[in-house]
């Protein structure tokens, strides 16, 4: 995860600088917020996911991981009033239906 984060930063930093954006963090609160996001949201989150899915069937683990971005979108709509249209809602419904069908089918 650290290698991917550093690679992403290395690729996006020139784009930000060429676009005239600053990479400086304005306050100490911003720094600590990013540290907390990295340690709690990413580090502990992925540690929990990898530990929790270690005993699951690989197919089921993949389907459970598909829930993360789908439910993130649903929470964005519910908690932050993200404007959505019928295409987005249909996409969410199809993703949830596919995850449900995949998790209930026997091999």
Protein backbone atom coordinates (compact mmCIF):
# COMPACT_ATOMS: atom_id res chain seq x y z
CA UNK A 1 0.00 0.00 0.00
CA UNK A 2 2.89 2.37 0.77
CA UNK A 3 4.53 1.73 -2.61
CA UNK A 4 1.28 2.41 -4.47
CA UNK A 5 0.67 5.59 -2.47
CA UNK A 6 4.17 6.89 -3.13
CA UNK A 7 3.95 6.00 -6.83
CA UNK A 8 0.62 7.79 -7.11
CA UNK A 9 2.04 10.85 -5.36
CA UNK A 10 5.10 10.84 -7.62
CA UNK A 11 2.89 10.71 -10.72
CA UNK A 12 0.37 13.31 -9.56
CA UNK A 13 2.77 15.85 -8.00
CA UNK A 14 4.08 17.13 -11.37
CA UNK A 15 0.51 17.48 -12.63
CA UNK A 16 -0.44 19.55 -9.58
CA UNK A 17 2.66 21.75 -9.83
CA UNK A 18 2.23 22.30 -13.59
CA UNK A 19 -1.40 23.19 -12.94
CA UNK A 20 -0.33 25.92 -10.54
CA UNK A 21 -1.49 24.15 -7.40
CA UNK A 22 0.53 24.13 -4.21
CA UNK A 23 1.47 20.93 -2.42
CA UNK A 24 1.98 22.76 0.89
CA UNK A 25 -0.35 21.86 3.75
CA UNK A 26 -1.84 25.07 5.17
CA UNK A 27 -2.11 24.17 8.87
CA UNK A 28 -0.91 21.65 11.42
CA UNK A 29 -4.50 20.43 11.65
CA UNK A 30 -4.34 19.50 7.97
CA UNK A 31 -1.17 17.52 8.55
CA UNK A 32 -2.63 15.62 11.50
CA UNK A 33 -5.86 14.99 9.58
CA UNK A 34 -3.88 13.37 6.77
CA UNK A 35 -1.81 11.33 9.23
CA UNK A 36 -5.00 10.12 10.94
CA UNK A 37 -6.57 9.27 7.58
CA UNK A 38 -3.51 7.28 6.57
CA UNK A 39 -3.09 5.41 9.85
CA UNK A 40 -6.72 4.85 10.81
CA UNK A 41 -8.62 4.92 7.54
CA UNK A 42 -6.09 3.12 5.40
CA UNK A 43 -3.68 1.24 7.63
CA UNK A 44 -6.03 -0.12 10.27
CA UNK A 45 -8.87 -0.44 7.76
CA UNK A 46 -6.90 -2.64 5.36
CA UNK A 47 -5.37 -4.58 8.23
CA UNK A 48 -8.89 -5.35 9.45
CA UNK A 49 -10.07 -6.31 5.97
CA UNK A 50 -7.14 -8.61 5.29
CA UNK A 51 -7.43 -10.24 8.73
CA UNK A 52 -11.20 -10.65 8.47
CA UNK A 53 -11.18 -12.10 4.97
CA UNK A 54 -8.30 -14.51 5.58
CA UNK A 55 -10.65 -17.42 6.31
CA UNK A 56 -13.25 -16.60 3.66
CA UNK A 57 -13.57 -18.32 0.30
CA UNK A 58 -11.73 -16.28 -2.36
CA UNK A 59 -14.86 -15.77 -4.46
CA UNK A 60 -16.82 -14.52 -1.45
CA UNK A 61 -13.92 -12.29 -0.38
CA UNK A 62 -13.91 -10.67 -3.82
CA UNK A 63 -17.64 -10.02 -3.67
CA UNK A 64 -17.37 -8.53 -0.19
CA UNK A 65 -14.61 -6.20 -1.39
CA UNK A 66 -16.92 -5.05 -4.19
CA UNK A 67 -19.31 -3.81 -1.53
CA UNK A 68 -16.83 -1.18 -0.32
CA UNK A 69 -17.02 1.25 -3.27
CA UNK A 70 -20.69 0.54 -3.86
CA UNK A 71 -21.70 1.29 -0.28
CA UNK A 72 -19.37 4.30 -0.27
CA UNK A 73 -21.45 5.73 -3.11
CA UNK A 74 -24.71 4.90 -1.28
CA UNK A 75 -23.46 6.65 1.87
CA UNK A 76 -22.38 9.64 -0.20
CA UNK A 77 -25.94 9.94 -1.46
CA UNK A 78 -27.55 9.38 1.96
CA UNK A 79 -25.26 11.42 4.20
CA UNK A 80 -23.92 14.14 1.91
CA UNK A 81 -26.90 14.60 -0.44
CA UNK A 82 -24.91 13.81 -3.57
CA UNK A 83 -27.10 14.54 -6.56
CA UNK A 84 -27.84 11.36 -8.45
CA UNK A 85 -29.69 10.44 -11.57
CA UNK A 86 -31.39 7.28 -12.78
CA UNK A 87 -28.21 5.99 -14.46
CA UNK A 88 -26.21 6.16 -11.22
CA UNK A 89 -28.99 4.55 -9.20
CA UNK A 90 -29.34 1.80 -11.79
CA UNK A 91 -25.59 1.18 -11.57
CA UNK A 92 -25.76 0.85 -7.79
CA UNK A 93 -28.75 -1.47 -8.04
CA UNK A 94 -27.00 -3.64 -10.64
CA UNK A 95 -23.81 -3.81 -8.56
CA UNK A 96 -25.71 -4.79 -5.40
CA UNK A 97 -27.79 -7.32 -7.32
CA UNK A 98 -24.66 -8.84 -8.88
CA UNK A 99 -22.97 -9.08 -5.48
CA UNK A 100 -26.07 -10.69 -4.01
CA UNK A 101 -26.40 -13.22 -6.82
CA UNK A 102 -22.71 -14.02 -6.68
CA UNK A 103 -22.79 -14.58 -2.94
CA UNK A 104 -25.85 -16.83 -2.97
CA UNK A 105 -24.94 -19.05 -5.93
CA UNK A 106 -23.48 -22.46 -5.20
CA UNK A 107 -20.45 -23.60 -7.18
